[in-house]
Amino acid sequence: VLPAMRDVKSGLIINVASQLGRVIAP
């Protein structure tokens, strides 16, 4: 998606991570 977004200098990318992407449980 990025080449077309950059061409128009507009866009949003939302990545769904997790609180477990910042803290760790065994």
mmCIF file of all heavy atoms, coordinates in Angstrom:
data_MODEL
# 
_entry.id   MODEL 
# 
loop_
_atom_site.group_PDB 
_atom_site.id 
_atom_site.type_symbol 
_atom_site.label_atom_id 
_atom_site.label_alt_id 
_atom_site.label_comp_id 
_atom_site.label_asym_id 
_atom_site.label_entity_id 
_atom_site.label_seq_id 
_atom_site.pdbx_PDB_ins_code 
_atom_site.Cartn_x 
_atom_site.Cartn_y 
_atom_site.Cartn_z 
_atom_site.occupancy 
_atom_site.B_iso_or_equiv 
_atom_site.pdbx_formal_charge 
_atom_site.auth_seq_id 
_atom_site.auth_comp_id 
_atom_site.auth_asym_id 
_atom_site.auth_atom_id 
_atom_site.pdbx_PDB_model_num 
ATOM 1   N N   . VAL A 1 1  ? 0.809  -1.233  0.000  1.00 0.00 ? 1  VAL A N   1 
ATOM 2   C CA  . VAL A 1 1  ? 0.000  0.000   0.000  1.00 0.00 ? 1  VAL A CA  1 
ATOM 3   C C   . VAL A 1 1  ? 0.835  1.273   0.000  1.00 0.00 ? 1  VAL A C   1 
ATOM 4   O O   . VAL A 1 1  ? 0.352  2.329   -0.432 1.00 0.00 ? 1  VAL A O   1 
ATOM 5   C CB  . VAL A 1 1  ? -0.967 0.051   1.210  1.00 0.00 ? 1  VAL A CB  1 
ATOM 6   C CG1 . VAL A 1 1  ? -1.880 -1.162  1.238  1.00 0.00 ? 1  VAL A CG1 1 
ATOM 7   C CG2 . VAL A 1 1  ? -0.223 0.199   2.540  1.00 0.00 ? 1  VAL A CG2 1 
ATOM 8   N N   . LEU A 1 2  ? 2.061  1.207   0.476  1.00 0.00 ? 2  LEU A N   1 
ATOM 9   C CA  . LEU A 1 2  ? 2.806  2.446   0.729  1.00 0.00 ? 2  LEU A CA  1 
ATOM 10  C C   . LEU A 1 2  ? 3.166  3.268   -0.505 1.00 0.00 ? 2  LEU A C   1 
ATOM 11  O O   . LEU A 1 2  ? 3.078  4.509   -0.453 1.00 0.00 ? 2  LEU A O   1 
ATOM 12  C CB  . LEU A 1 2  ? 4.074  2.156   1.532  1.00 0.00 ? 2  LEU A CB  1 
ATOM 13  C CG  . LEU A 1 2  ? 3.961  2.438   3.030  1.00 0.00 ? 2  LEU A CG  1 
ATOM 14  C CD1 . LEU A 1 2  ? 5.282  2.169   3.734  1.00 0.00 ? 2  LEU A CD1 1 
ATOM 15  C CD2 . LEU A 1 2  ? 3.502  3.864   3.298  1.00 0.00 ? 2  LEU A CD2 1 
ATOM 16  N N   . PRO A 1 3  ? 3.590  2.673   -1.614 1.00 0.00 ? 3  PRO A N   1 
ATOM 17  C CA  . PRO A 1 3  ? 3.946  3.539   -2.744 1.00 0.00 ? 3  PRO A CA  1 
ATOM 18  C C   . PRO A 1 3  ? 2.822  4.492   -3.142 1.00 0.00 ? 3  PRO A C   1 
ATOM 19  O O   . PRO A 1 3  ? 3.063  5.681   -3.392 1.00 0.00 ? 3  PRO A O   1 
ATOM 20  C CB  . PRO A 1 3  ? 4.273  2.540   -3.856 1.00 0.00 ? 3  PRO A CB  1 
ATOM 21  C CG  . PRO A 1 3  ? 4.775  1.330   -3.123 1.00 0.00 ? 3  PRO A CG  1 
ATOM 22  C CD  . PRO A 1 3  ? 3.915  1.254   -1.895 1.00 0.00 ? 3  PRO A CD  1 
ATOM 23  N N   . ALA A 1 4  ? 1.587  3.997   -3.173 1.00 0.00 ? 4  ALA A N   1 
ATOM 24  C CA  . ALA A 1 4  ? 0.460  4.860   -3.554 1.00 0.00 ? 4  ALA A CA  1 
ATOM 25  C C   . ALA A 1 4  ? 0.168  5.884   -2.468 1.00 0.00 ? 4  ALA A C   1 
ATOM 26  O O   . ALA A 1 4  ? -0.179 7.038   -2.768 1.00 0.00 ? 4  ALA A O   1 
ATOM 27  C CB  . ALA A 1 4  ? -0.780 4.010   -3.833 1.00 0.00 ? 4  ALA A CB  1 
ATOM 28  N N   . MET A 1 5  ? 0.292  5.499   -1.205 1.00 0.00 ? 5  MET A N   1 
ATOM 29  C CA  . MET A 1 5  ? 0.086  6.462   -0.111 1.00 0.00 ? 5  MET A CA  1 
ATOM 30  C C   . MET A 1 5  ? 1.128  7.575   -0.183 1.00 0.00 ? 5  MET A C   1 
ATOM 31  O O   . MET A 1 5  ? 0.809  8.759   -0.037 1.00 0.00 ? 5  MET A O   1 
ATOM 32  C CB  . MET A 1 5  ? 0.167  5.754   1.244  1.00 0.00 ? 5  MET A CB  1 
ATOM 33  C CG  . MET A 1 5  ? -1.031 4.904   1.619  1.00 0.00 ? 5  MET A CG  1 
ATOM 34  S SD  . MET A 1 5  ? -0.844 4.216   3.298  1.00 0.00 ? 5  MET A SD  1 
ATOM 35  C CE  . MET A 1 5  ? -2.455 3.451   3.544  1.00 0.00 ? 5  MET A CE  1 
ATOM 36  N N   . ARG A 1 6  ? 2.371  7.206   -0.419 1.00 0.00 ? 6  ARG A N   1 
ATOM 37  C CA  . ARG A 1 6  ? 3.430  8.215   -0.479 1.00 0.00 ? 6  ARG A CA  1 
ATOM 38  C C   . ARG A 1 6  ? 3.234  9.164   -1.663 1.00 0.00 ? 6  ARG A C   1 
ATOM 39  O O   . ARG A 1 6  ? 3.529  10.351  -1.570 1.00 0.00 ? 6  ARG A O   1 
ATOM 40  C CB  . ARG A 1 6  ? 4.800  7.546   -0.556 1.00 0.00 ? 6  ARG A CB  1 
ATOM 41  C CG  . ARG A 1 6  ? 5.269  6.962   0.764  1.00 0.00 ? 6  ARG A CG  1 
ATOM 42  C CD  . ARG A 1 6  ? 6.720  6.529   0.718  1.00 0.00 ? 6  ARG A CD  1 
ATOM 43  N NE  . ARG A 1 6  ? 6.963  5.418   -0.193 1.00 0.00 ? 6  ARG A NE  1 
ATOM 44  C CZ  . ARG A 1 6  ? 7.429  5.518   -1.430 1.00 0.00 ? 6  ARG A CZ  1 
ATOM 45  N NH1 . ARG A 1 6  ? 7.709  6.710   -1.948 1.00 0.00 ? 6  ARG A NH1 1 
ATOM 46  N NH2 . ARG A 1 6  ? 7.629  4.430   -2.166 1.00 0.00 ? 6  ARG A NH2 1 
ATOM 47  N N   . ASP A 1 7  ? 2.710  8.621   -2.752 1.00 0.00 ? 7  ASP A N   1 
ATOM 48  C CA  . ASP A 1 7  ? 2.481  9.462   -3.929 1.00 0.00 ? 7  ASP A CA  1 
ATOM 49  C C   . ASP A 1 7  ? 1.532  10.615  -3.630 1.00 0.00 ? 7  ASP A C   1 
ATOM 50  O O   . ASP A 1 7  ? 1.683  11.711  -4.179 1.00 0.00 ? 7  ASP A O   1 
ATOM 51  C CB  . ASP A 1 7  ? 1.920  8.623   -5.085 1.00 0.00 ? 7  ASP A CB  1 
ATOM 52  C CG  . ASP A 1 7  ? 2.989  7.811   -5.795 1.00 0.00 ? 7  ASP A CG  1 
ATOM 53  O OD1 . ASP A 1 7  ? 4.194  8.071   -5.570 1.00 0.00 ? 7  ASP A OD1 1 
ATOM 54  O OD2 . ASP A 1 7  ? 2.625  6.902   -6.570 1.00 0.00 ? 7  ASP A OD2 1 
ATOM 55  N N   . VAL A 1 8  ? 0.545  10.350  -2.773 1.00 0.00 ? 8  VAL A N   1 
ATOM 56  C CA  . VAL A 1 8  ? -0.438 11.399  -2.458 1.00 0.00 ? 8  VAL A CA  1 
ATOM 57  C C   . VAL A 1 8  ? -0.155 12.056  -1.103 1.00 0.00 ? 8  VAL A C   1 
ATOM 58  O O   . VAL A 1 8  ? -0.915 12.911  -0.654 1.00 0.00 ? 8  VAL A O   1 
ATOM 59  C CB  . VAL A 1 8  ? -1.873 10.832  -2.485 1.00 0.00 ? 8  VAL A CB  1 
ATOM 60  C CG1 . VAL A 1 8  ? -2.239 10.378  -3.884 1.00 0.00 ? 8  VAL A CG1 1 
ATOM 61  C CG2 . VAL A 1 8  ? -2.051 9.701   -1.477 1.00 0.00 ? 8  VAL A CG2 1 
ATOM 62  N N   . LYS A 1 9  ? 0.946  11.629  -0.459 1.00 0.00 ? 9  LYS A N   1 
ATOM 63  C CA  . LYS A 1 9  ? 1.355  12.175  0.844  1.00 0.00 ? 9  LYS A CA  1 
ATOM 64  C C   . LYS A 1 9  ? 0.207  12.150  1.859  1.00 0.00 ? 9  LYS A C   1 
ATOM 65  O O   . LYS A 1 9  ? -0.085 13.127  2.567  1.00 0.00 ? 9  LYS A O   1 
ATOM 66  C CB  . LYS A 1 9  ? 1.904  13.603  0.697  1.00 0.00 ? 9  LYS A CB  1 
ATOM 67  C CG  . LYS A 1 9  ? 3.263  13.641  0.020  1.00 0.00 ? 9  LYS A CG  1 
ATOM 68  C CD  . LYS A 1 9  ? 3.929  14.990  0.166  1.00 0.00 ? 9  LYS A CD  1 
ATOM 69  C CE  . LYS A 1 9  ? 5.371  14.947  -0.343 1.00 0.00 ? 9  LYS A CE  1 
ATOM 70  N NZ  . LYS A 1 9  ? 6.234  14.035  0.417  1.00 0.00 ? 9  LYS A NZ  1 
ATOM 71  N N   . SER A 1 10 ? -0.426 11.001  1.937  1.00 0.00 ? 10 SER A N   1 
ATOM 72  C CA  . SER A 1 10 ? -1.551 10.841  2.855  1.00 0.00 ? 10 SER A CA  1 
ATOM 73  C C   . SER A 1 10 ? -1.763 9.365   3.116  1.00 0.00 ? 10 SER A C   1 
ATOM 74  O O   . SER A 1 10 ? -1.535 8.527   2.243  1.00 0.00 ? 10 SER A O   1 
ATOM 75  C CB  . SER A 1 10 ? -2.820 11.455  2.255  1.00 0.00 ? 10 SER A CB  1 
ATOM 76  O OG  . SER A 1 10 ? -3.934 11.246  3.092  1.00 0.00 ? 10 SER A OG  1 
ATOM 77  N N   . GLY A 1 11 ? -2.217 9.049   4.320  1.00 0.00 ? 11 GLY A N   1 
ATOM 78  C CA  . GLY A 1 11 ? -2.539 7.668   4.632  1.00 0.00 ? 11 GLY A CA  1 
ATOM 79  C C   . GLY A 1 11 ? -2.306 7.360   6.094  1.00 0.00 ? 11 GLY A C   1 
ATOM 80  O O   . GLY A 1 11 ? -1.690 8.142   6.835  1.00 0.00 ? 11 GLY A O   1 
ATOM 81  N N   . LEU A 1 12 ? -2.831 6.219   6.513  1.00 0.00 ? 12 LEU A N   1 
ATOM 82  C CA  . LEU A 1 12 ? -2.687 5.764   7.894  1.00 0.00 ? 12 LEU A CA  1 
ATOM 83  C C   . LEU A 1 12 ? -2.518 4.255   7.881  1.00 0.00 ? 12 LEU A C   1 
ATOM 84  O O   . LEU A 1 12 ? -3.278 3.542   7.211  1.00 0.00 ? 12 LEU A O   1 
ATOM 85  C CB  . LEU A 1 12 ? -3.926 6.144   8.707  1.00 0.00 ? 12 LEU A CB  1 
ATOM 86  C CG  . LEU A 1 12 ? -4.072 5.506   10.102 1.00 0.00 ? 12 LEU A CG  1 
ATOM 87  C CD1 . LEU A 1 12 ? -2.942 5.937   11.028 1.00 0.00 ? 12 LEU A CD1 1 
ATOM 88  C CD2 . LEU A 1 12 ? -5.436 5.849   10.699 1.00 0.00 ? 12 LEU A CD2 1 
ATOM 89  N N   . ILE A 1 13 ? -1.519 3.780   8.617  1.00 0.00 ? 13 ILE A N   1 
ATOM 90  C CA  . ILE A 1 13 ? -1.317 2.343   8.814  1.00 0.00 ? 13 ILE A CA  1 
ATOM 91  C C   . ILE A 1 13 ? -1.527 2.046   10.294 1.00 0.00 ? 13 ILE A C   1 
ATOM 92  O O   . ILE A 1 13 ? -0.861 2.640   11.152 1.00 0.00 ? 13 ILE A O   1 
ATOM 93  C CB  . ILE A 1 13 ? 0.086  1.904   8.371  1.00 0.00 ? 13 ILE A CB  1 
ATOM 94  C CG1 . ILE A 1 13 ? 0.240  2.095   6.857  1.00 0.00 ? 13 ILE A CG1 1 
ATOM 95  C CG2 . ILE A 1 13 ? 0.350  0.443   8.750  1.00 0.00 ? 13 ILE A CG2 1 
ATOM 96  C CD1 . ILE A 1 13 ? 1.648  1.898   6.349  1.00 0.00 ? 13 ILE A CD1 1 
ATOM 97  N N   . ILE A 1 14 ? -2.474 1.166   10.588 1.00 0.00 ? 14 ILE A N   1 
ATOM 98  C CA  . ILE A 1 14 ? -2.732 0.728   11.960 1.00 0.00 ? 14 ILE A CA  1 
ATOM 99  C C   . ILE A 1 14 ? -2.299 -0.720  12.075 1.00 0.00 ? 14 ILE A C   1 
ATOM 100 O O   . ILE A 1 14 ? -2.809 -1.589  11.354 1.00 0.00 ? 14 ILE A O   1 
ATOM 101 C CB  . ILE A 1 14 ? -4.221 0.871   12.328 1.00 0.00 ? 14 ILE A CB  1 
ATOM 102 C CG1 . ILE A 1 14 ? -4.631 2.344   12.346 1.00 0.00 ? 14 ILE A CG1 1 
ATOM 103 C CG2 . ILE A 1 14 ? -4.506 0.216   13.672 1.00 0.00 ? 14 ILE A CG2 1 
ATOM 104 C CD1 . ILE A 1 14 ? -6.105 2.572   12.659 1.00 0.00 ? 14 ILE A CD1 1 
ATOM 105 N N   . ASN A 1 15 ? -1.370 -0.989  12.963 1.00 0.00 ? 15 ASN A N   1 
ATOM 106 C CA  . ASN A 1 15 ? -0.920 -2.349  13.222 1.00 0.00 ? 15 ASN A CA  1 
ATOM 107 C C   . ASN A 1 15 ? -1.461 -2.810  14.569 1.00 0.00 ? 15 ASN A C   1 
ATOM 108 O O   . ASN A 1 15 ? -1.257 -2.142  15.589 1.00 0.00 ? 15 ASN A O   1 
ATOM 109 C CB  . ASN A 1 15 ? 0.608  -2.419  13.219 1.00 0.00 ? 15 ASN A CB  1 
ATOM 110 C CG  . ASN A 1 15 ? 1.190  -2.215  11.833 1.00 0.00 ? 15 ASN A CG  1 
ATOM 111 O OD1 . ASN A 1 15 ? 0.576  -2.556  10.832 1.00 0.00 ? 15 ASN A OD1 1 
ATOM 112 N ND2 . ASN A 1 15 ? 2.389  -1.653  11.761 1.00 0.00 ? 15 ASN A ND2 1 
ATOM 113 N N   . VAL A 1 16 ? -2.162 -3.930  14.561 1.00 0.00 ? 16 VAL A N   1 
ATOM 114 C CA  . VAL A 1 16 ? -2.742 -4.465  15.796 1.00 0.00 ? 16 VAL A CA  1 
ATOM 115 C C   . VAL A 1 16 ? -1.702 -5.344  16.474 1.00 0.00 ? 16 VAL A C   1 
ATOM 116 O O   . VAL A 1 16 ? -1.401 -6.445  16.005 1.00 0.00 ? 16 VAL A O   1 
ATOM 117 C CB  . VAL A 1 16 ? -4.027 -5.251  15.522 1.00 0.00 ? 16 VAL A CB  1 
ATOM 118 C CG1 . VAL A 1 16 ? -4.616 -5.783  16.834 1.00 0.00 ? 16 VAL A CG1 1 
ATOM 119 C CG2 . VAL A 1 16 ? -5.052 -4.368  14.806 1.00 0.00 ? 16 VAL A CG2 1 
ATOM 120 N N   . ALA A 1 17 ? -1.138 -4.838  17.552 1.00 0.00 ? 17 ALA A N   1 
ATOM 121 C CA  . ALA A 1 17 ? -0.158 -5.594  18.322 1.00 0.00 ? 17 ALA A CA  1 
ATOM 122 C C   . ALA A 1 17 ? -0.869 -6.191  19.537 1.00 0.00 ? 17 ALA A C   1 
ATOM 123 O O   . ALA A 1 17 ? -1.885 -6.860  19.398 1.00 0.00 ? 17 ALA A O   1 
ATOM 124 C CB  . ALA A 1 17 ? 1.010  -4.695  18.727 1.00 0.00 ? 17 ALA A CB  1 
ATOM 125 N N   . SER A 1 18 ? -0.369 -5.943  20.727 1.00 0.00 ? 18 SER A N   1 
ATOM 126 C CA  . SER A 1 18 ? -0.939 -6.494  21.950 1.00 0.00 ? 18 SER A CA  1 
ATOM 127 C C   . SER A 1 18 ? -0.201 -5.858  23.115 1.00 0.00 ? 18 SER A C   1 
ATOM 128 O O   . SER A 1 18 ? 0.937  -5.404  22.961 1.00 0.00 ? 18 SER A O   1 
ATOM 129 C CB  . SER A 1 18 ? -0.746 -8.011  21.984 1.00 0.00 ? 18 SER A CB  1 
ATOM 130 O OG  . SER A 1 18 ? -1.023 -8.542  23.268 1.00 0.00 ? 18 SER A OG  1 
ATOM 131 N N   . GLN A 1 19 ? -0.840 -5.846  24.289 1.00 0.00 ? 19 GLN A N   1 
ATOM 132 C CA  . GLN A 1 19 ? -0.052 -5.418  25.442 1.00 0.00 ? 19 GLN A CA  1 
ATOM 133 C C   . GLN A 1 19 ? 1.086  -6.401  25.687 1.00 0.00 ? 19 GLN A C   1 
ATOM 134 O O   . GLN A 1 19 ? 2.127  -6.044  26.257 1.00 0.00 ? 19 GLN A O   1 
ATOM 135 C CB  . GLN A 1 19 ? -0.930 -5.276  26.689 1.00 0.00 ? 19 GLN A CB  1 
ATOM 136 C CG  . GLN A 1 19 ? -1.483 -6.542  27.270 1.00 0.00 ? 19 GLN A CG  1 
ATOM 137 C CD  . GLN A 1 19 ? -2.329 -6.260  28.507 1.00 0.00 ? 19 GLN A CD  1 
ATOM 138 O OE1 . GLN A 1 19 ? -2.888 -5.183  28.665 1.00 0.00 ? 19 GLN A OE1 1 
ATOM 139 N NE2 . GLN A 1 19 ? -2.428 -7.230  29.399 1.00 0.00 ? 19 GLN A NE2 1 
ATOM 140 N N   . LEU A 1 20 ? 0.953  -7.636  25.173 1.00 0.00 ? 20 LEU A N   1 
ATOM 141 C CA  . LEU A 1 20 ? 2.047  -8.603  25.274 1.00 0.00 ? 20 LEU A CA  1 
ATOM 142 C C   . LEU A 1 20 ? 3.150  -8.331  24.262 1.00 0.00 ? 20 LEU A C   1 
ATOM 143 O O   . LEU A 1 20 ? 4.113  -9.088  24.180 1.00 0.00 ? 20 LEU A O   1 
ATOM 144 C CB  . LEU A 1 20 ? 1.511  -10.029 25.091 1.00 0.00 ? 20 LEU A CB  1 
ATOM 145 C CG  . LEU A 1 20 ? 0.633  -10.550 26.239 1.00 0.00 ? 20 LEU A CG  1 
ATOM 146 C CD1 . LEU A 1 20 ? 0.120  -11.944 25.924 1.00 0.00 ? 20 LEU A CD1 1 
ATOM 147 C CD2 . LEU A 1 20 ? 1.401  -10.556 27.555 1.00 0.00 ? 20 LEU A CD2 1 
ATOM 148 N N   . GLY A 1 21 ? 3.019  -7.246  23.500 1.00 0.00 ? 21 GLY A N   1 
ATOM 149 C CA  . GLY A 1 21 ? 4.123  -6.767  22.686 1.00 0.00 ? 21 GLY A CA  1 
ATOM 150 C C   . GLY A 1 21 ? 4.986  -5.762  23.428 1.00 0.00 ? 21 GLY A C   1 
ATOM 151 O O   . GLY A 1 21 ? 5.965  -5.250  22.859 1.00 0.00 ? 21 GLY A O   1 
ATOM 152 N N   . ARG A 1 22 ? 4.630  -5.484  24.686 1.00 0.00 ? 22 ARG A N   1 
ATOM 153 C CA  . ARG A 1 22 ? 5.423  -4.547  25.505 1.00 0.00 ? 22 ARG A CA  1 
ATOM 154 C C   . ARG A 1 22 ? 5.753  -5.133  26.874 1.00 0.00 ? 22 ARG A C   1 
ATOM 155 O O   . ARG A 1 22 ? 6.723  -4.736  27.502 1.00 0.00 ? 22 ARG A O   1 
ATOM 156 C CB  . ARG A 1 22 ? 4.668  -3.227  25.694 1.00 0.00 ? 22 ARG A CB  1 
ATOM 157 C CG  . ARG A 1 22 ? 4.351  -2.490  24.405 1.00 0.00 ? 22 ARG A CG  1 
ATOM 158 C CD  . ARG A 1 22 ? 5.595  -2.005  23.704 1.00 0.00 ? 22 ARG A CD  1 
ATOM 159 N NE  . ARG A 1 22 ? 5.874  -0.597  24.002 1.00 0.00 ? 22 ARG A NE  1 
ATOM 160 C CZ  . ARG A 1 22 ? 6.939  0.061   23.567 1.00 0.00 ? 22 ARG A CZ  1 
ATOM 161 N NH1 . ARG A 1 22 ? 7.825  -0.558  22.818 1.00 0.00 ? 22 ARG A NH1 1 
ATOM 162 N NH2 . ARG A 1 22 ? 7.129  1.321   23.864 1.00 0.00 ? 22 ARG A NH2 1 
ATOM 163 N N   . VAL A 1 23 ? 4.930  -6.060  27.358 1.00 0.00 ? 23 VAL A N   1 
ATOM 164 C CA  . VAL A 1 23 ? 5.191  -6.780  28.603 1.00 0.00 ? 23 VAL A CA  1 
ATOM 165 C C   . VAL A 1 23 ? 5.123  -8.267  28.289 1.00 0.00 ? 23 VAL A C   1 
ATOM 166 O O   . VAL A 1 23 ? 4.518  -8.671  27.299 1.00 0.00 ? 23 VAL A O   1 
ATOM 167 C CB  . VAL A 1 23 ? 4.184  -6.408  29.711 1.00 0.00 ? 23 VAL A CB  1 
ATOM 168 C CG1 . VAL A 1 23 ? 4.335  -4.953  30.103 1.00 0.00 ? 23 VAL A CG1 1 
ATOM 169 C CG2 . VAL A 1 23 ? 2.745  -6.688  29.278 1.00 0.00 ? 23 VAL A CG2 1 
ATOM 170 N N   . ILE A 1 24 ? 5.734  -9.082  29.130 1.00 0.00 ? 24 ILE A N   1 
ATOM 171 C CA  . ILE A 1 24 ? 5.897  -10.497 28.805 1.00 0.00 ? 24 ILE A CA  1 
ATOM 172 C C   . ILE A 1 24 ? 5.355  -11.371 29.925 1.00 0.00 ? 24 ILE A C   1 
ATOM 173 O O   . ILE A 1 24 ? 5.662  -11.155 31.101 1.00 0.00 ? 24 ILE A O   1 
ATOM 174 C CB  . ILE A 1 24 ? 7.383  -10.839 28.582 1.00 0.00 ? 24 ILE A CB  1 
ATOM 175 C CG1 . ILE A 1 24 ? 7.949  -9.967  27.452 1.00 0.00 ? 24 ILE A CG1 1 
ATOM 176 C CG2 . ILE A 1 24 ? 7.561  -12.322 28.249 1.00 0.00 ? 24 ILE A CG2 1 
ATOM 177 C CD1 . ILE A 1 24 ? 9.452  -10.084 27.301 1.00 0.00 ? 24 ILE A CD1 1 
ATOM 178 N N   . ALA A 1 25 ? 4.547  -12.352 29.535 1.00 0.00 ? 25 ALA A N   1 
ATOM 179 C CA  . ALA A 1 25 ? 4.092  -13.386 30.455 1.00 0.00 ? 25 ALA A CA  1 
ATOM 180 C C   . ALA A 1 25 ? 4.655  -14.724 29.988 1.00 0.00 ? 25 ALA A C   1 
ATOM 181 O O   . ALA A 1 25 ? 4.785  -14.954 28.785 1.00 0.00 ? 25 ALA A O   1 
ATOM 182 C CB  . ALA A 1 25 ? 2.567  -13.446 30.482 1.00 0.00 ? 25 ALA A CB  1 
ATOM 183 N N   . PRO A 1 26 ? 5.029  -15.618 30.915 1.00 0.00 ? 26 PRO A N   1 
ATOM 184 C CA  . PRO A 1 26 ? 5.546  -16.926 30.506 1.00 0.00 ? 26 PRO A CA  1 
ATOM 185 C C   . PRO A 1 26 ? 4.500  -17.742 29.768 1.00 0.00 ? 26 PRO A C   1 
ATOM 186 O O   . PRO A 1 26 ? 3.295  -17.573 29.947 1.00 0.00 ? 26 PRO A O   1 
ATOM 187 C CB  . PRO A 1 26 ? 5.902  -17.600 31.842 1.00 0.00 ? 26 PRO A CB  1 
ATOM 188 C CG  . PRO A 1 26 ? 6.003  -16.488 32.831 1.00 0.00 ? 26 PRO A CG  1 
ATOM 189 C CD  . PRO A 1 26 ? 5.033  -15.445 32.377 1.00 0.00 ? 26 PRO A CD  1 
# 
